[in-house]
C-alpha atoms as a PDB file:
ATOM      1  CA  MET A   1     128.634 103.986 149.233  1.00  0.00           C
ATOM      2  CA  PHE A   2     126.733 104.864 146.024  1.00  0.00           C
ATOM      3  CA  LEU A   3     125.519 101.284 145.647  1.00  0.00           C
ATOM      4  CA  SER A   4     123.858 101.392 149.085  1.00  0.00           C
ATOM      5  CA  LEU A   5     122.322 104.770 148.210  1.00  0.00           C
ATOM      6  CA  LEU A   6     120.895 103.356 144.988  1.00  0.00           C
ATOM      7  CA  ALA A   7     119.666 100.190 146.717  1.00  0.00           C
ATOM      8  CA  ALA A   8     117.788 102.221 149.342  1.00  0.00           C
ATOM      9  CA  MET A   9     116.169 104.366 146.652  1.00  0.00           C
ATOM     10  CA  LYS A  10     115.098 101.320 144.641  1.00  0.00           C
ATOM     11  CA  ALA A  11     113.557  99.802 147.778  1.00  0.00           C
ATOM     12  CA  GLY A  12     111.521 102.972 148.295  1.00  0.00           C
ATOM     13  CA  LYS A  13     113.375 103.882 151.492  1.00  0.00           C
ATOM     14  CA  GLN A  14     114.800 107.258 152.413  1.00  0.00           C
ATOM     15  CA  PRO A  15     118.618 106.991 152.044  1.00  0.00           C
ATOM     16  CA  GLU A  16     120.645 107.977 155.101  1.00  0.00           C
ATOM     17  CA  GLY A  17     124.183 109.145 155.764  1.00  0.00           C
ATOM     18  CA  ILE A  18     126.549 111.750 154.404  1.00  0.00           C
ATOM     19  CA  ALA A  19     126.315 110.428 150.828  1.00  0.00           C
ATOM     20  CA  ALA A  20     122.515 110.732 150.886  1.00  0.00           C
ATOM     21  CA  GLN A  21     122.753 114.244 152.289  1.00  0.00           C
ATOM     22  CA  LEU A  22     125.228 115.333 149.589  1.00  0.00           C
ATOM     23  CA  TYR A  23     123.090 113.643 146.934  1.00  0.00           C
ATOM     24  CA  GLN A  24     119.943 115.552 148.037  1.00  0.00           C
ATOM     25  CA  GLU A  25     121.832 118.868 148.285  1.00  0.00           C
ATOM     26  CA  HIS A  26     123.272 118.402 144.805  1.00  0.00           C
ATOM     27  CA  LYS A  27     119.842 117.605 143.331  1.00  0.00           C
ATOM     28  CA  LYS A  28     118.349 120.751 144.905  1.00  0.00           C
ATOM     29  CA  LYS A  29     121.253 122.841 143.586  1.00  0.00           C
ATOM     30  CA  VAL A  30     120.839 121.442 140.053  1.00  0.00           C
ATOM     31  CA  GLU A  31     117.085 121.998 140.191  1.00  0.00           C
ATOM     32  CA  SER A  32     117.576 125.592 141.357  1.00  0.00           C
ATOM     33  CA  GLU A  33     120.157 126.334 138.632  1.00  0.00           C
ATOM     34  CA  LEU A  34     117.937 124.845 135.927  1.00  0.00           C
ATOM     35  CA  TYR A  35     114.966 126.838 137.187  1.00  0.00           C
ATOM     36  CA  ASP A  36     117.044 130.051 137.129  1.00  0.00           C
ATOM     37  CA  ILE A  37     118.099 129.362 133.536  1.00  0.00           C
ATOM     38  CA  LEU A  38     114.510 128.641 132.492  1.00  0.00           C
ATOM     39  CA  ALA A  39     113.338 131.805 134.238  1.00  0.00           C
ATOM     40  CA  VAL A  40     115.789 133.924 132.256  1.00  0.00           C
ATOM     41  CA  LEU A  41     114.881 132.173 128.984  1.00  0.00           C
ATOM     42  CA  THR A  42     111.152 132.708 129.544  1.00  0.00           C
ATOM     43  CA  ALA A  43     111.422 136.299 130.817  1.00  0.00           C
ATOM     44  CA  TYR A  44     110.569 135.056 134.326  1.00  0.00           C
ATOM     45  CA  ASN A  45     107.330 133.504 133.152  1.00  0.00           C
ATOM     46  CA  VAL A  46     107.991 129.837 133.975  1.00  0.00           C
ATOM     47  CA  GLY A  47     104.799 127.817 133.642  1.00  0.00           C
ATOM     48  CA  ASP A  48     103.273 125.800 136.463  1.00  0.00           C
ATOM     49  CA  ASP A  49     103.772 122.586 134.486  1.00  0.00           C
ATOM     50  CA  VAL A  50     107.535 123.224 134.442  1.00  0.00           C
ATOM     51  CA  LYS A  51     107.537 123.813 138.192  1.00  0.00           C
ATOM     52  CA  VAL A  52     105.910 120.396 138.632  1.00  0.00           C
ATOM     53  CA  GLU A  53     107.997 118.520 136.053  1.00  0.00           C
ATOM     54  CA  LEU A  54     111.441 119.961 136.812  1.00  0.00           C
ATOM     55  CA  PRO A  55     111.906 118.087 140.135  1.00  0.00           C
ATOM     56  CA  ARG A  56     110.824 114.839 138.440  1.00  0.00           C
ATOM     57  CA  ILE A  57     113.280 115.388 135.593  1.00  0.00           C
ATOM     58  CA  VAL A  58     116.129 116.146 138.020  1.00  0.00           C
ATOM     59  CA  ASP A  59     115.247 113.059 140.120  1.00  0.00           C
ATOM     60  CA  THR A  60     115.301 110.868 137.015  1.00  0.00           C
ATOM     61  CA  ALA A  61     118.613 112.311 135.817  1.00  0.00           C
ATOM     62  CA  ALA A  62     120.168 111.915 139.277  1.00  0.00           C
ATOM     63  CA  GLU A  63     119.027 108.301 139.524  1.00  0.00           C
ATOM     64  CA  LEU A  64     120.399 107.596 136.042  1.00  0.00           C
ATOM     65  CA  ALA A  65     123.722 109.129 137.094  1.00  0.00           C
ATOM     66  CA  LEU A  66     123.784 106.809 140.126  1.00  0.00           C
ATOM     67  CA  GLU A  67     122.939 103.805 137.939  1.00  0.00           C
ATOM     68  CA  ILE A  68     125.785 104.615 135.566  1.00  0.00           C
ATOM     69  CA  GLY A  69     128.153 105.406 138.445  1.00  0.00           C
ATOM     70  CA  VAL A  70     127.771 102.035 140.161  1.00  0.00           C
ATOM     71  CA  GLN A  71     128.189  99.968 136.994  1.00  0.00           C
ATOM     72  CA  ARG A  72     131.606  98.757 136.006  1.00  0.00           C
ATOM     73  CA  ALA A  73     131.145  99.983 132.474  1.00  0.00           C
ATOM     74  CA  GLN A  74     131.900 103.027 130.385  1.00  0.00           C
ATOM     75  CA  VAL A  75     129.546 104.934 128.120  1.00  0.00           C
ATOM     76  CA  GLY A  76     130.774 106.711 125.010  1.00  0.00           C
ATOM     77  CA  LEU A  77     129.660 108.529 121.890  1.00  0.00           C
ATOM     78  CA  SER A  78     130.086 107.203 118.387  1.00  0.00           C
ATOM     79  CA  VAL A  79     130.866 110.177 116.152  1.00  0.00           C
ATOM     80  CA  PRO A  80     131.824 109.213 112.590  1.00  0.00           C
ATOM     81  CA  MET A  81     133.219 112.141 110.632  1.00  0.00           C
ATOM     82  CA  PRO A  82     132.527 112.975 106.965  1.00  0.00           C
ATOM     83  CA  GLY A  83     134.548 110.617 104.819  1.00  0.00           C
ATOM     84  CA  HIS A  84     134.678 107.786 107.382  1.00  0.00           C
ATOM     85  CA  ILE A  85     133.465 104.413 106.236  1.00  0.00           C
ATOM     86  CA  VAL A  86     130.699 102.821 108.323  1.00  0.00           C
ATOM     87  CA  THR A  87     128.690  99.619 108.064  1.00  0.00           C
ATOM     88  CA  ILE A  88     124.931 100.199 108.141  1.00  0.00           C
ATOM     89  CA  GLY A  89     123.376  98.040 110.859  1.00  0.00           C
ATOM     90  CA  ASP A  90     123.074  98.033 114.638  1.00  0.00           C
ATOM     91  CA  GLU A  91     125.737 100.685 115.246  1.00  0.00           C
ATOM     92  CA  PHE A  92     125.022 103.043 112.333  1.00  0.00           C
ATOM     93  CA  HIS A  93     121.704 103.885 110.676  1.00  0.00           C
ATOM     94  CA  ASP A  94     121.147 105.783 107.479  1.00  0.00           C
ATOM     95  CA  HIS A  95     119.135 108.911 108.319  1.00  0.00           C
ATOM     96  CA  ARG A  96     116.801 108.422 105.366  1.00  0.00           C
ATOM     97  CA  ASP A  97     116.303 104.665 105.544  1.00  0.00           C
ATOM     98  CA  GLY A  98     117.289 103.574 109.067  1.00  0.00           C
ATOM     99  CA  ALA A  99     118.639 100.017 109.053  1.00  0.00           C
ATOM    100  CA  VAL A 100     116.633  98.806 106.051  1.00  0.00           C
ATOM    101  CA  PRO A 101     117.611  95.184 105.334  1.00  0.00           C
ATOM    102  CA  LYS A 102     118.768  95.968 101.788  1.00  0.00           C
ATOM    103  CA  PHE A 103     121.416  98.359 103.197  1.00  0.00           C
ATOM    104  CA  LYS A 104     122.297  96.375 106.326  1.00  0.00           C
ATOM    105  CA  GLY A 105     125.844  95.074 106.298  1.00  0.00           C
ATOM    106  CA  LYS A 106     126.946  97.334 103.427  1.00  0.00           C
ATOM    107  CA  GLU A 107     129.707  99.842 103.882  1.00  0.00           C
ATOM    108  CA  TYR A 108     129.055 103.465 103.033  1.00  0.00           C
ATOM    109  CA  ARG A 109     131.045 106.643 103.297  1.00  0.00           C
ATOM    110  CA  VAL A 110     129.630 109.186 105.761  1.00  0.00           C
ATOM    111  CA  ASP A 111     128.509 112.410 104.133  1.00  0.00           C
ATOM    112  CA  LEU A 112     127.202 114.075 107.320  1.00  0.00           C
ATOM    113  CA  LEU A 113     126.619 113.045 110.933  1.00  0.00           C
ATOM    114  CA  VAL A 114     122.977 113.652 111.961  1.00  0.00           C
ATOM    115  CA  THR A 115     123.050 112.358 115.545  1.00  0.00           C
ATOM    116  CA  PRO A 116     125.891 110.666 117.425  1.00  0.00           C
ATOM    117  CA  GLY A 117     125.469 107.133 118.684  1.00  0.00           C
ATOM    118  CA  LEU A 118     125.726 105.972 122.278  1.00  0.00           C
ATOM    119  CA  PHE A 119     127.556 102.784 123.237  1.00  0.00           C
ATOM    120  CA  ARG A 120     128.544 100.982 126.412  1.00  0.00           C
ATOM    121  CA  VAL A 121     131.778  99.121 127.034  1.00  0.00           C
ATOM    122  CA  GLY A 122     131.582  96.597 129.859  1.00  0.00           C
ATOM    123  CA  ASN A 123     128.749  94.474 131.148  1.00  0.00           C
ATOM    124  CA  GLY A 124     128.587  95.681 134.755  1.00  0.00           C
ATOM    125  CA  ARG A 125     130.253  92.510 136.013  1.00  0.00           C
ATOM    126  CA  GLY A 126     133.852  93.448 135.279  1.00  0.00           C
ATOM    127  CA  ASP A 127     133.997  92.228 131.654  1.00  0.00           C
ATOM    128  CA  MET A 128     135.404  95.307 129.914  1.00  0.00           C
ATOM    129  CA  TRP A 129     135.669  93.510 126.552  1.00  0.00           C
ATOM    130  CA  THR A 130     131.934  93.590 125.892  1.00  0.00           C
ATOM    131  CA  SER A 131     130.577  96.450 123.788  1.00  0.00           C
ATOM    132  CA  ARG A 132     126.939  97.174 123.044  1.00  0.00           C
ATOM    133  CA  THR A 133     125.274  99.898 121.002  1.00  0.00           C
ATOM    134  CA  LEU A 134     122.612 101.639 123.084  1.00  0.00           C
ATOM    135  CA  VAL A 135     121.554 104.201 120.456  1.00  0.00           C
ATOM    136  CA  PRO A 136     122.778 103.938 116.858  1.00  0.00           C
ATOM    137  CA  ALA A 137     124.434 106.921 115.186  1.00  0.00           C
ATOM    138  CA  GLU A 138     122.454 108.386 112.311  1.00  0.00           C
ATOM    139  CA  VAL A 139     124.365 109.490 109.228  1.00  0.00           C
ATOM    140  CA  PHE A 140     123.667 110.782 105.764  1.00  0.00           C
ATOM    141  CA  ARG A 141     125.540 108.380 103.553  1.00  0.00           C
ATOM    142  CA  VAL A 142     127.047 108.876 100.134  1.00  0.00           C
ATOM    143  CA  ASP A 143     124.489 107.318  97.775  1.00  0.00           C
ATOM    144  CA  GLU A 144     126.623 104.484  96.454  1.00  0.00           C
ATOM    145  CA  ALA A 145     128.252 101.700  98.421  1.00  0.00           C
ATOM    146  CA  VAL A 146     131.994 102.026  98.943  1.00  0.00           C
ATOM    147  CA  ASP A 147     134.183 100.471  96.302  1.00  0.00           C
ATOM    148  CA  PRO A 148     136.813  98.707  98.446  1.00  0.00           C
ATOM    149  CA  GLY A 149     139.446  99.433  95.807  1.00  0.00           C
ATOM    150  CA  ASP A 150     138.907 103.202  95.829  1.00  0.00           C
ATOM    151  CA  GLN A 151     138.771 104.792  99.270  1.00  0.00           C
ATOM    152  CA  GLY A 152     141.338 107.495  98.781  1.00  0.00           C
ATOM    153  CA  PRO A 153     141.301 111.258  99.237  1.00  0.00           C
ATOM    154  CA  ARG A 154     140.798 111.808  95.480  1.00  0.00           C
ATOM    155  CA  TYR A 155     137.380 110.149  95.795  1.00  0.00           C
ATOM    156  CA  ILE A 156     136.365 112.382  98.720  1.00  0.00           C
ATOM    157  CA  ALA A 157     137.714 115.517  97.012  1.00  0.00           C
ATOM    158  CA  GLY A 158     135.724 114.621  93.905  1.00  0.00           C
ATOM    159  CA  LEU A 159     132.534 114.286  95.944  1.00  0.00           C
ATOM    160  CA  PHE A 160     133.098 117.672  97.578  1.00  0.00           C
ATOM    161  CA  ALA A 161     133.775 119.166  94.142  1.00  0.00           C
ATOM    162  CA  GLY A 162     130.280 118.109  93.078  1.00  0.00           C
ATOM    163  CA  LEU A 163     131.196 115.029  91.072  1.00  0.00           C
ATOM    164  CA  SER A 164     128.955 111.982  91.264  1.00  0.00           C
ATOM    165  CA  PRO A 165     130.445 108.973  93.054  1.00  0.00           C
ATOM    166  CA  ASN A 166     131.164 107.329  89.687  1.00  0.00           C
ATOM    167  CA  GLU A 167     132.869 110.456  88.309  1.00  0.00           C
ATOM    168  CA  ALA A 168     134.929 110.854  91.490  1.00  0.00           C
ATOM    169  CA  ARG A 169     136.490 107.419  90.972  1.00  0.00           C
END
């Protein structure tokens, strides 16, 4: 049902049927609710540019929702917590340095999550073992690489107490 709706939209045709009707009604409802929220936030002074762009934004979001809905895959957030150990690379970037080659592949303890990452499990063809990072998580890392022999709570407590990583060990 949703696949035929998406196929018609991609072909530039007007979708038909009950699913298409519900889809259009839902888009109009979302657009109306967003407009009402924007009106309140702007003291009922919504600009003309917003009136033009809002339907386009809702259309894009609705089409993305259809795309995700027809794929046999799952999308999730990667949210490392302070103290977790992450490997800098495709899945996690350092907020200050990104995925600079000198840090890539090294393990660091997370000091603070800046933005969560987005990943997909599944390839759309039924293989639910495939995982791919769509947007890497950005973290502030503790300045020194993790010493594999010392990953205990004493180390983390020392860091929170203001000790340097070497003093915390």
